[in-house]
Amino acid sequence: MYDLRQKRILFTGELNSLTRKQAQQLARSLGAIPVNNPAKTVDYLIVGNISKSFDQELTTKKLKYAQAHLIPLLNEHTFLTWCASRMTFLRDRIN
């Protein structure tokens, strides 16, 4: 399980379950640091669905940047699993 607390995360592609803004707000509320632009300081790239025309490569500028700079990639499911785990942890601390 990845721990995204205090990690700079960047989203690319379309998420199935949340808008980008919702995902960023959720991540921030659970302790991650969402950013909007690629940089060497990004810890993880969260990759959603990438759809392009038939003759275009299935990638994004953010994905290419992350691959070139060896930034780890996580999918939406892994991100949501971390979110659920953090919410459970925080709920249990309150009770």
PDB file of N, CA and C in Angstrom:
ATOM      1  N   MET A   1       0.845  -1.183   0.000  1.00  0.00           N
ATOM      2  CA  MET A   1       0.000   0.000   0.000  1.00  0.00           C
ATOM      3  C   MET A   1       0.887   1.242   0.000  1.00  0.00           C
ATOM      4  N   TYR A   2       0.588   2.135  -0.873  1.00  0.00           N
ATOM      5  CA  TYR A   2       1.303   3.405  -0.954  1.00  0.00           C
ATOM      6  C   TYR A   2       0.765   4.356   0.096  1.00  0.00           C
ATOM      7  N   ASP A   3       1.624   5.183   0.650  1.00  0.00           N
ATOM      8  CA  ASP A   3       1.200   6.216   1.579  1.00  0.00           C
ATOM      9  C   ASP A   3       1.404   7.562   0.899  1.00  0.00           C
ATOM     10  N   LEU A   4       0.329   8.231   0.581  1.00  0.00           N
ATOM     11  CA  LEU A   4       0.400   9.484  -0.148  1.00  0.00           C
ATOM     12  C   LEU A   4       0.410  10.708   0.768  1.00  0.00           C
ATOM     13  N   ARG A   5       0.394  10.491   2.086  1.00  0.00           N
ATOM     14  CA  ARG A   5       0.447  11.635   3.003  1.00  0.00           C
ATOM     15  C   ARG A   5       1.726  12.426   2.772  1.00  0.00           C
ATOM     16  N   GLN A   6       1.560  13.746   2.667  1.00  0.00           N
ATOM     17  CA  GLN A   6       2.672  14.674   2.452  1.00  0.00           C
ATOM     18  C   GLN A   6       3.434  14.410   1.159  1.00  0.00           C
ATOM     19  N   LYS A   7       2.813  13.699   0.240  1.00  0.00           N
ATOM     20  CA  LYS A   7       3.407  13.446  -1.078  1.00  0.00           C
ATOM     21  C   LYS A   7       2.744  14.352  -2.100  1.00  0.00           C
ATOM     22  N   ARG A   8       3.554  14.872  -3.011  1.00  0.00           N
ATOM     23  CA  ARG A   8       3.040  15.713  -4.096  1.00  0.00           C
ATOM     24  C   ARG A   8       2.527  14.794  -5.189  1.00  0.00           C
ATOM     25  N   ILE A   9       1.229  14.912  -5.480  1.00  0.00           N
ATOM     26  CA  ILE A   9       0.619  14.046  -6.490  1.00  0.00           C
ATOM     27  C   ILE A   9       0.030  14.895  -7.612  1.00  0.00           C
ATOM     28  N   LEU A  10       0.047  14.324  -8.798  1.00  0.00           N
ATOM     29  CA  LEU A  10      -0.432  14.983 -10.000  1.00  0.00           C
ATOM     30  C   LEU A  10      -1.376  14.011 -10.703  1.00  0.00           C
ATOM     31  N   PHE A  11      -2.463  14.527 -11.243  1.00  0.00           N
ATOM     32  CA  PHE A  11      -3.430  13.692 -11.954  1.00  0.00           C
ATOM     33  C   PHE A  11      -3.320  13.935 -13.447  1.00  0.00           C
ATOM     34  N   THR A  12      -3.518  12.870 -14.222  1.00  0.00           N
ATOM     35  CA  THR A  12      -3.622  12.985 -15.676  1.00  0.00           C
ATOM     36  C   THR A  12      -4.684  12.003 -16.160  1.00  0.00           C
ATOM     37  N   GLY A  13      -5.286  12.315 -17.280  1.00  0.00           N
ATOM     38  CA  GLY A  13      -6.352  11.467 -17.800  1.00  0.00           C
ATOM     39  C   GLY A  13      -7.660  11.729 -17.077  1.00  0.00           C
ATOM     40  N   GLU A  14      -8.682  11.020 -17.501  1.00  0.00           N
ATOM     41  CA  GLU A  14     -10.017  11.192 -16.931  1.00  0.00           C
ATOM     42  C   GLU A  14     -10.290  10.107 -15.901  1.00  0.00           C
ATOM     43  N   LEU A  15     -10.688  10.517 -14.710  1.00  0.00           N
ATOM     44  CA  LEU A  15     -11.032   9.565 -13.662  1.00  0.00           C
ATOM     45  C   LEU A  15     -12.475   9.111 -13.855  1.00  0.00           C
ATOM     46  N   ASN A  16     -12.758   7.862 -13.513  1.00  0.00           N
ATOM     47  CA  ASN A  16     -14.106   7.307 -13.665  1.00  0.00           C
ATOM     48  C   ASN A  16     -15.052   7.750 -12.557  1.00  0.00           C
ATOM     49  N   SER A  17     -14.530   7.888 -11.343  1.00  0.00           N
ATOM     50  CA  SER A  17     -15.406   8.066 -10.194  1.00  0.00           C
ATOM     51  C   SER A  17     -15.474   9.492  -9.647  1.00  0.00           C
ATOM     52  N   LEU A  18     -14.539  10.341 -10.021  1.00  0.00           N
ATOM     53  CA  LEU A  18     -14.487  11.706  -9.495  1.00  0.00           C
ATOM     54  C   LEU A  18     -14.043  12.658 -10.588  1.00  0.00           C
ATOM     55  N   THR A  19     -14.407  13.911 -10.438  1.00  0.00           N
ATOM     56  CA  THR A  19     -13.809  14.917 -11.310  1.00  0.00           C
ATOM     57  C   THR A  19     -12.398  15.170 -10.811  1.00  0.00           C
ATOM     58  N   ARG A  20     -11.593  15.805 -11.611  1.00  0.00           N
ATOM     59  CA  ARG A  20     -10.225  16.131 -11.189  1.00  0.00           C
ATOM     60  C   ARG A  20     -10.245  16.995  -9.926  1.00  0.00           C
ATOM     61  N   LYS A  21     -11.118  17.991  -9.916  1.00  0.00           N
ATOM     62  CA  LYS A  21     -11.213  18.894  -8.759  1.00  0.00           C
ATOM     63  C   LYS A  21     -11.619  18.129  -7.499  1.00  0.00           C
ATOM     64  N   GLN A  22     -12.587  17.228  -7.616  1.00  0.00           N
ATOM     65  CA  GLN A  22     -13.007  16.423  -6.471  1.00  0.00           C
ATOM     66  C   GLN A  22     -11.868  15.539  -5.967  1.00  0.00           C
ATOM     67  N   ALA A  23     -11.138  14.936  -6.894  1.00  0.00           N
ATOM     68  CA  ALA A  23     -10.016  14.075  -6.518  1.00  0.00           C
ATOM     69  C   ALA A  23      -8.943  14.877  -5.795  1.00  0.00           C
ATOM     70  N   GLN A  24      -8.658  16.069  -6.280  1.00  0.00           N
ATOM     71  CA  GLN A  24      -7.667  16.925  -5.633  1.00  0.00           C
ATOM     72  C   GLN A  24      -8.123  17.332  -4.237  1.00  0.00           C
ATOM     73  N   GLN A  25      -9.393  17.691  -4.092  1.00  0.00           N
ATOM     74  CA  GLN A  25      -9.917  18.075  -2.781  1.00  0.00           C
ATOM     75  C   GLN A  25      -9.879  16.903  -1.807  1.00  0.00           C
ATOM     76  N   LEU A  26     -10.262  15.727  -2.290  1.00  0.00           N
ATOM     77  CA  LEU A  26     -10.235  14.533  -1.452  1.00  0.00           C
ATOM     78  C   LEU A  26      -8.803  14.231  -1.019  1.00  0.00           C
ATOM     79  N   ALA A  27      -7.887  14.250  -1.959  1.00  0.00           N
ATOM     80  CA  ALA A  27      -6.484  13.970  -1.650  1.00  0.00           C
ATOM     81  C   ALA A  27      -5.955  14.957  -0.609  1.00  0.00           C
ATOM     82  N   ARG A  28      -6.255  16.234  -0.807  1.00  0.00           N
ATOM     83  CA  ARG A  28      -5.790  17.273   0.126  1.00  0.00           C
ATOM     84  C   ARG A  28      -6.369  17.038   1.520  1.00  0.00           C
ATOM     85  N   SER A  29      -7.650  16.698   1.588  1.00  0.00           N
ATOM     86  CA  SER A  29      -8.288  16.488   2.891  1.00  0.00           C
ATOM     87  C   SER A  29      -7.714  15.283   3.627  1.00  0.00           C
ATOM     88  N   LEU A  30      -7.108  14.358   2.879  1.00  0.00           N
ATOM     89  CA  LEU A  30      -6.538  13.152   3.485  1.00  0.00           C
ATOM     90  C   LEU A  30      -5.027  13.236   3.677  1.00  0.00           C
ATOM     91  N   GLY A  31      -4.449  14.394   3.352  1.00  0.00           N
ATOM     92  CA  GLY A  31      -3.042  14.595   3.666  1.00  0.00           C
ATOM     93  C   GLY A  31      -2.076  14.615   2.509  1.00  0.00           C
ATOM     94  N   ALA A  32      -2.554  14.387   1.284  1.00  0.00           N
ATOM     95  CA  ALA A  32      -1.670  14.474   0.116  1.00  0.00           C
ATOM     96  C   ALA A  32      -1.573  15.935  -0.325  1.00  0.00           C
ATOM     97  N   ILE A  33      -0.643  16.208  -1.221  1.00  0.00           N
ATOM     98  CA  ILE A  33      -0.444  17.562  -1.728  1.00  0.00           C
ATOM     99  C   ILE A  33      -0.648  17.530  -3.242  1.00  0.00           C
ATOM    100  N   PRO A  34      -1.881  17.786  -3.699  1.00  0.00           N
ATOM    101  CA  PRO A  34      -2.118  17.776  -5.140  1.00  0.00           C
ATOM    102  C   PRO A  34      -1.499  19.003  -5.809  1.00  0.00           C
ATOM    103  N   VAL A  35      -0.900  18.779  -6.969  1.00  0.00           N
ATOM    104  CA  VAL A  35      -0.318  19.861  -7.758  1.00  0.00           C
ATOM    105  C   VAL A  35      -0.901  19.806  -9.163  1.00  0.00           C
ATOM    106  N   ASN A  36      -0.759  20.892  -9.909  1.00  0.00           N
ATOM    107  CA  ASN A  36      -1.372  20.967 -11.229  1.00  0.00           C
ATOM    108  C   ASN A  36      -0.405  20.808 -12.391  1.00  0.00           C
ATOM    109  N   ASN A  37       0.878  20.937 -12.127  1.00  0.00           N
ATOM    110  CA  ASN A  37       1.849  20.896 -13.216  1.00  0.00           C
ATOM    111  C   ASN A  37       2.960  19.901 -12.926  1.00  0.00           C
ATOM    112  N   PRO A  38       3.481  19.270 -13.977  1.00  0.00           N
ATOM    113  CA  PRO A  38       4.592  18.338 -13.768  1.00  0.00           C
ATOM    114  C   PRO A  38       5.843  19.072 -13.312  1.00  0.00           C
ATOM    115  N   ALA A  39       6.562  18.450 -12.422  1.00  0.00           N
ATOM    116  CA  ALA A  39       7.831  18.977 -11.926  1.00  0.00           C
ATOM    117  C   ALA A  39       8.596  17.814 -11.308  1.00  0.00           C
ATOM    118  N   LYS A  40       9.877  17.977 -11.182  1.00  0.00           N
ATOM    119  CA  LYS A  40      10.701  16.914 -10.602  1.00  0.00           C
ATOM    120  C   LYS A  40      10.334  16.645  -9.144  1.00  0.00           C
ATOM    121  N   THR A  41       9.637  17.588  -8.510  1.00  0.00           N
ATOM    122  CA  THR A  41       9.250  17.421  -7.111  1.00  0.00           C
ATOM    123  C   THR A  41       7.983  16.586  -6.938  1.00  0.00           C
ATOM    124  N   VAL A  42       7.322  16.199  -8.038  1.00  0.00           N
ATOM    125  CA  VAL A  42       6.126  15.353  -7.958  1.00  0.00           C
ATOM    126  C   VAL A  42       6.546  13.952  -7.521  1.00  0.00           C
ATOM    127  N   ASP A  43       5.820  13.415  -6.540  1.00  0.00           N
ATOM    128  CA  ASP A  43       6.143  12.084  -6.018  1.00  0.00           C
ATOM    129  C   ASP A  43       5.423  10.966  -6.755  1.00  0.00           C
ATOM    130  N   TYR A  44       4.173  11.229  -7.183  1.00  0.00           N
ATOM    131  CA  TYR A  44       3.388  10.218  -7.879  1.00  0.00           C
ATOM    132  C   TYR A  44       2.500  10.876  -8.926  1.00  0.00           C
ATOM    133  N   LEU A  45       2.318  10.184 -10.043  1.00  0.00           N
ATOM    134  CA  LEU A  45       1.359  10.589 -11.056  1.00  0.00           C
ATOM    135  C   LEU A  45       0.201   9.605 -11.002  1.00  0.00           C
ATOM    136  N   ILE A  46      -1.013  10.118 -10.767  1.00  0.00           N
ATOM    137  CA  ILE A  46      -2.208   9.294 -10.768  1.00  0.00           C
ATOM    138  C   ILE A  46      -2.773   9.327 -12.184  1.00  0.00           C
ATOM    139  N   VAL A  47      -2.838   8.166 -12.824  1.00  0.00           N
ATOM    140  CA  VAL A  47      -3.223   8.089 -14.232  1.00  0.00           C
ATOM    141  C   VAL A  47      -4.631   7.531 -14.375  1.00  0.00           C
ATOM    142  N   GLY A  48      -5.500   8.343 -14.969  1.00  0.00           N
ATOM    143  CA  GLY A  48      -6.860   7.910 -15.287  1.00  0.00           C
ATOM    144  C   GLY A  48      -6.926   7.418 -16.724  1.00  0.00           C
ATOM    145  N   ASN A  49      -8.121   7.386 -17.280  1.00  0.00           N
ATOM    146  CA  ASN A  49      -8.316   6.948 -18.668  1.00  0.00           C
ATOM    147  C   ASN A  49      -7.796   8.001 -19.628  1.00  0.00           C
ATOM    148  N   ILE A  50      -7.059   7.546 -20.606  1.00  0.00           N
ATOM    149  CA  ILE A  50      -6.546   8.440 -21.640  1.00  0.00           C
ATOM    150  C   ILE A  50      -7.189   8.022 -22.952  1.00  0.00           C
ATOM    151  N   SER A  51      -7.945   8.928 -23.531  1.00  0.00           N
ATOM    152  CA  SER A  51      -8.592   8.613 -24.806  1.00  0.00           C
ATOM    153  C   SER A  51      -8.147   9.623 -25.852  1.00  0.00           C
ATOM    154  N   LYS A  52      -7.797   9.102 -26.992  1.00  0.00           N
ATOM    155  CA  LYS A  52      -7.313   9.914 -28.111  1.00  0.00           C
ATOM    156  C   LYS A  52      -7.933   9.402 -29.397  1.00  0.00           C
ATOM    157  N   SER A  53      -7.721  10.140 -30.456  1.00  0.00           N
ATOM    158  CA  SER A  53      -8.170   9.703 -31.773  1.00  0.00           C
ATOM    159  C   SER A  53      -7.433   8.431 -32.171  1.00  0.00           C
ATOM    160  N   PHE A  54      -7.993   7.728 -33.120  1.00  0.00           N
ATOM    161  CA  PHE A  54      -7.451   6.454 -33.589  1.00  0.00           C
ATOM    162  C   PHE A  54      -5.962   6.518 -33.913  1.00  0.00           C
ATOM    163  N   ASP A  55      -5.507   7.593 -34.530  1.00  0.00           N
ATOM    164  CA  ASP A  55      -4.125   7.682 -34.990  1.00  0.00           C
ATOM    165  C   ASP A  55      -3.181   8.373 -34.004  1.00  0.00           C
ATOM    166  N   GLN A  56      -3.656   8.654 -32.785  1.00  0.00           N
ATOM    167  CA  GLN A  56      -2.816   9.324 -31.801  1.00  0.00           C
ATOM    168  C   GLN A  56      -2.342   8.350 -30.725  1.00  0.00           C
ATOM    169  N   GLU A  57      -1.157   8.625 -30.213  1.00  0.00           N
ATOM    170  CA  GLU A  57      -0.584   7.808 -29.143  1.00  0.00           C
ATOM    171  C   GLU A  57      -1.370   8.029 -27.847  1.00  0.00           C
ATOM    172  N   LEU A  58      -1.644   6.940 -27.125  1.00  0.00           N
ATOM    173  CA  LEU A  58      -2.380   7.034 -25.863  1.00  0.00           C
ATOM    174  C   LEU A  58      -1.446   7.463 -24.738  1.00  0.00           C
ATOM    175  N   THR A  59      -1.182   8.763 -24.692  1.00  0.00           N
ATOM    176  CA  THR A  59      -0.335   9.316 -23.652  1.00  0.00           C
ATOM    177  C   THR A  59      -0.712  10.766 -23.438  1.00  0.00           C
ATOM    178  N   THR A  60      -0.118  11.387 -22.450  1.00  0.00           N
ATOM    179  CA  THR A  60      -0.306  12.813 -22.184  1.00  0.00           C
ATOM    180  C   THR A  60       1.064  13.425 -21.923  1.00  0.00           C
ATOM    181  N   LYS A  61       1.138  14.730 -21.937  1.00  0.00           N
ATOM    182  CA  LYS A  61       2.397  15.408 -21.629  1.00  0.00           C
ATOM    183  C   LYS A  61       2.848  15.074 -20.211  1.00  0.00           C
ATOM    184  N   LYS A  62       1.888  15.022 -19.299  1.00  0.00           N
ATOM    185  CA  LYS A  62       2.226  14.695 -17.903  1.00  0.00           C
ATOM    186  C   LYS A  62       2.773  13.271 -17.793  1.00  0.00           C
ATOM    187  N   LEU A  63       2.176  12.347 -18.507  1.00  0.00           N
ATOM    188  CA  LEU A  63       2.632  10.959 -18.475  1.00  0.00           C
ATOM    189  C   LEU A  63       4.025  10.836 -19.078  1.00  0.00           C
ATOM    190  N   LYS A  64       4.260  11.492 -20.190  1.00  0.00           N
ATOM    191  CA  LYS A  64       5.597  11.466 -20.798  1.00  0.00           C
ATOM    192  C   LYS A  64       6.637  12.060 -19.850  1.00  0.00           C
ATOM    193  N   TYR A  65       6.277  13.170 -19.196  1.00  0.00           N
ATOM    194  CA  TYR A  65       7.192  13.814 -18.250  1.00  0.00           C
ATOM    195  C   TYR A  65       7.511  12.858 -17.093  1.00  0.00           C
ATOM    196  N   ALA A  66       6.475  12.234 -16.540  1.00  0.00           N
ATOM    197  CA  ALA A  66       6.672  11.315 -15.420  1.00  0.00           C
ATOM    198  C   ALA A  66       7.565  10.144 -15.816  1.00  0.00           C
ATOM    199  N   GLN A  67       7.352   9.596 -16.983  1.00  0.00           N
ATOM    200  CA  GLN A  67       8.169   8.471 -17.437  1.00  0.00           C
ATOM    201  C   GLN A  67       9.615   8.902 -17.650  1.00  0.00           C
ATOM    202  N   ALA A  68       9.819  10.087 -18.206  1.00  0.00           N
ATOM    203  CA  ALA A  68      11.176  10.583 -18.452  1.00  0.00           C
ATOM    204  C   ALA A  68      11.919  10.868 -17.152  1.00  0.00           C
ATOM    205  N   HIS A  69      11.184  11.238 -16.100  1.00  0.00           N
ATOM    206  CA  HIS A  69      11.808  11.594 -14.821  1.00  0.00           C
ATOM    207  C   HIS A  69      11.622  10.512 -13.758  1.00  0.00           C
ATOM    208  N   LEU A  70      11.193   9.330 -14.198  1.00  0.00           N
ATOM    209  CA  LEU A  70      11.049   8.158 -13.321  1.00  0.00           C
ATOM    210  C   LEU A  70      10.131   8.410 -12.133  1.00  0.00           C
ATOM    211  N   ILE A  71       9.071   9.182 -12.363  1.00  0.00           N
ATOM    212  CA  ILE A  71       8.066   9.426 -11.326  1.00  0.00           C
ATOM    213  C   ILE A  71       7.123   8.225 -11.320  1.00  0.00           C
ATOM    214  N   PRO A  72       6.907   7.605 -10.161  1.00  0.00           N
ATOM    215  CA  PRO A  72       6.039   6.428 -10.104  1.00  0.00           C
ATOM    216  C   PRO A  72       4.607   6.746 -10.548  1.00  0.00           C
ATOM    217  N   LEU A  73       4.004   5.776 -11.227  1.00  0.00           N
ATOM    218  CA  LEU A  73       2.636   5.904 -11.719  1.00  0.00           C
ATOM    219  C   LEU A  73       1.701   5.065 -10.860  1.00  0.00           C
ATOM    220  N   LEU A  74       0.542   5.621 -10.524  1.00  0.00           N
ATOM    221  CA  LEU A  74      -0.499   4.888  -9.811  1.00  0.00           C
ATOM    222  C   LEU A  74      -1.780   5.011 -10.608  1.00  0.00           C
ATOM    223  N   ASN A  75      -2.611   3.982 -10.574  1.00  0.00           N
ATOM    224  CA  ASN A  75      -3.891   4.072 -11.272  1.00  0.00           C
ATOM    225  C   ASN A  75      -4.971   4.581 -10.321  1.00  0.00           C
ATOM    226  N   GLU A  76      -6.131   4.851 -10.873  1.00  0.00           N
ATOM    227  CA  GLU A  76      -7.236   5.397 -10.078  1.00  0.00           C
ATOM    228  C   GLU A  76      -7.620   4.456  -8.943  1.00  0.00           C
ATOM    229  N   HIS A  77      -7.645   3.163  -9.213  1.00  0.00           N
ATOM    230  CA  HIS A  77      -8.018   2.190  -8.179  1.00  0.00           C
ATOM    231  C   HIS A  77      -7.070   2.265  -6.983  1.00  0.00           C
ATOM    232  N   THR A  78      -5.787   2.348  -7.231  1.00  0.00           N
ATOM    233  CA  THR A  78      -4.808   2.434  -6.149  1.00  0.00           C
ATOM    234  C   THR A  78      -5.008   3.725  -5.352  1.00  0.00           C
ATOM    235  N   PHE A  79      -5.256   4.826  -6.058  1.00  0.00           N
ATOM    236  CA  PHE A  79      -5.523   6.096  -5.379  1.00  0.00           C
ATOM    237  C   PHE A  79      -6.759   5.981  -4.489  1.00  0.00           C
ATOM    238  N   LEU A  80      -7.839   5.423  -5.018  1.00  0.00           N
ATOM    239  CA  LEU A  80      -9.077   5.301  -4.241  1.00  0.00           C
ATOM    240  C   LEU A  80      -8.928   4.332  -3.073  1.00  0.00           C
ATOM    241  N   THR A  81      -8.130   3.294  -3.246  1.00  0.00           N
ATOM    242  CA  THR A  81      -7.860   2.360  -2.150  1.00  0.00           C
ATOM    243  C   THR A  81      -7.133   3.080  -1.024  1.00  0.00           C
ATOM    244  N   TRP A  82      -6.150   3.914  -1.380  1.00  0.00           N
ATOM    245  CA  TRP A  82      -5.457   4.709  -0.359  1.00  0.00           C
ATOM    246  C   TRP A  82      -6.442   5.644   0.344  1.00  0.00           C
ATOM    247  N   CYS A  83      -7.312   6.304  -0.426  1.00  0.00           N
ATOM    248  CA  CYS A  83      -8.300   7.222   0.153  1.00  0.00           C
ATOM    249  C   CYS A  83      -9.184   6.489   1.158  1.00  0.00           C
ATOM    250  N   ALA A  84      -9.688   5.322   0.782  1.00  0.00           N
ATOM    251  CA  ALA A  84     -10.560   4.542   1.665  1.00  0.00           C
ATOM    252  C   ALA A  84      -9.819   4.127   2.934  1.00  0.00           C
ATOM    253  N   SER A  85      -8.580   3.711   2.768  1.00  0.00           N
ATOM    254  CA  SER A  85      -7.767   3.307   3.913  1.00  0.00           C
ATOM    255  C   SER A  85      -7.531   4.478   4.869  1.00  0.00           C
ATOM    256  N   ARG A  86      -7.220   5.647   4.310  1.00  0.00           N
ATOM    257  CA  ARG A  86      -7.006   6.852   5.137  1.00  0.00           C
ATOM    258  C   ARG A  86      -8.280   7.244   5.868  1.00  0.00           C
ATOM    259  N   MET A  87      -9.423   7.178   5.177  1.00  0.00           N
ATOM    260  CA  MET A  87     -10.697   7.539   5.812  1.00  0.00           C
ATOM    261  C   MET A  87     -11.015   6.591   6.958  1.00  0.00           C
ATOM    262  N   THR A  88     -10.757   5.309   6.752  1.00  0.00           N
ATOM    263  CA  THR A  88     -10.982   4.321   7.810  1.00  0.00           C
ATOM    264  C   THR A  88     -10.072   4.613   8.995  1.00  0.00           C
ATOM    265  N   PHE A  89      -8.799   4.871   8.726  1.00  0.00           N
ATOM    266  CA  PHE A  89      -7.849   5.185   9.795  1.00  0.00           C
ATOM    267  C   PHE A  89      -8.285   6.414  10.586  1.00  0.00           C
ATOM    268  N   LEU A  90      -8.660   7.471   9.875  1.00  0.00           N
ATOM    269  CA  LEU A  90      -9.067   8.703  10.543  1.00  0.00           C
ATOM    270  C   LEU A  90     -10.371   8.516  11.333  1.00  0.00           C
ATOM    271  N   ARG A  91     -11.312   7.758  10.762  1.00  0.00           N
ATOM    272  CA  ARG A  91     -12.567   7.491  11.460  1.00  0.00           C
ATOM    273  C   ARG A  91     -12.304   6.711  12.757  1.00  0.00           C
ATOM    274  N   ASP A  92     -11.414   5.716  12.684  1.00  0.00           N
ATOM    275  CA  ASP A  92     -11.113   4.905  13.856  1.00  0.00           C
ATOM    276  C   ASP A  92     -10.407   5.717  14.940  1.00  0.00           C
ATOM    277  N   ARG A  93      -9.647   6.705  14.550  1.00  0.00           N
ATOM    278  CA  ARG A  93      -8.973   7.565  15.550  1.00  0.00           C
ATOM    279  C   ARG A  93      -9.968   8.439  16.285  1.00  0.00           C
ATOM    280  N   ILE A  94     -11.059   8.809  15.610  1.00  0.00           N
ATOM    281  CA  ILE A  94     -12.080   9.659  16.227  1.00  0.00           C
ATOM    282  C   ILE A  94     -12.905   8.867  17.221  1.00  0.00           C
ATOM    283  N   ASN A  95     -13.196   7.607  16.871  1.00  0.00           N
ATOM    284  CA  ASN A  95     -14.051   6.762  17.728  1.00  0.00           C
ATOM    285  C   ASN A  95     -13.327   6.203  18.901  1.00  0.00           C
TER     286      ASN A  95
END
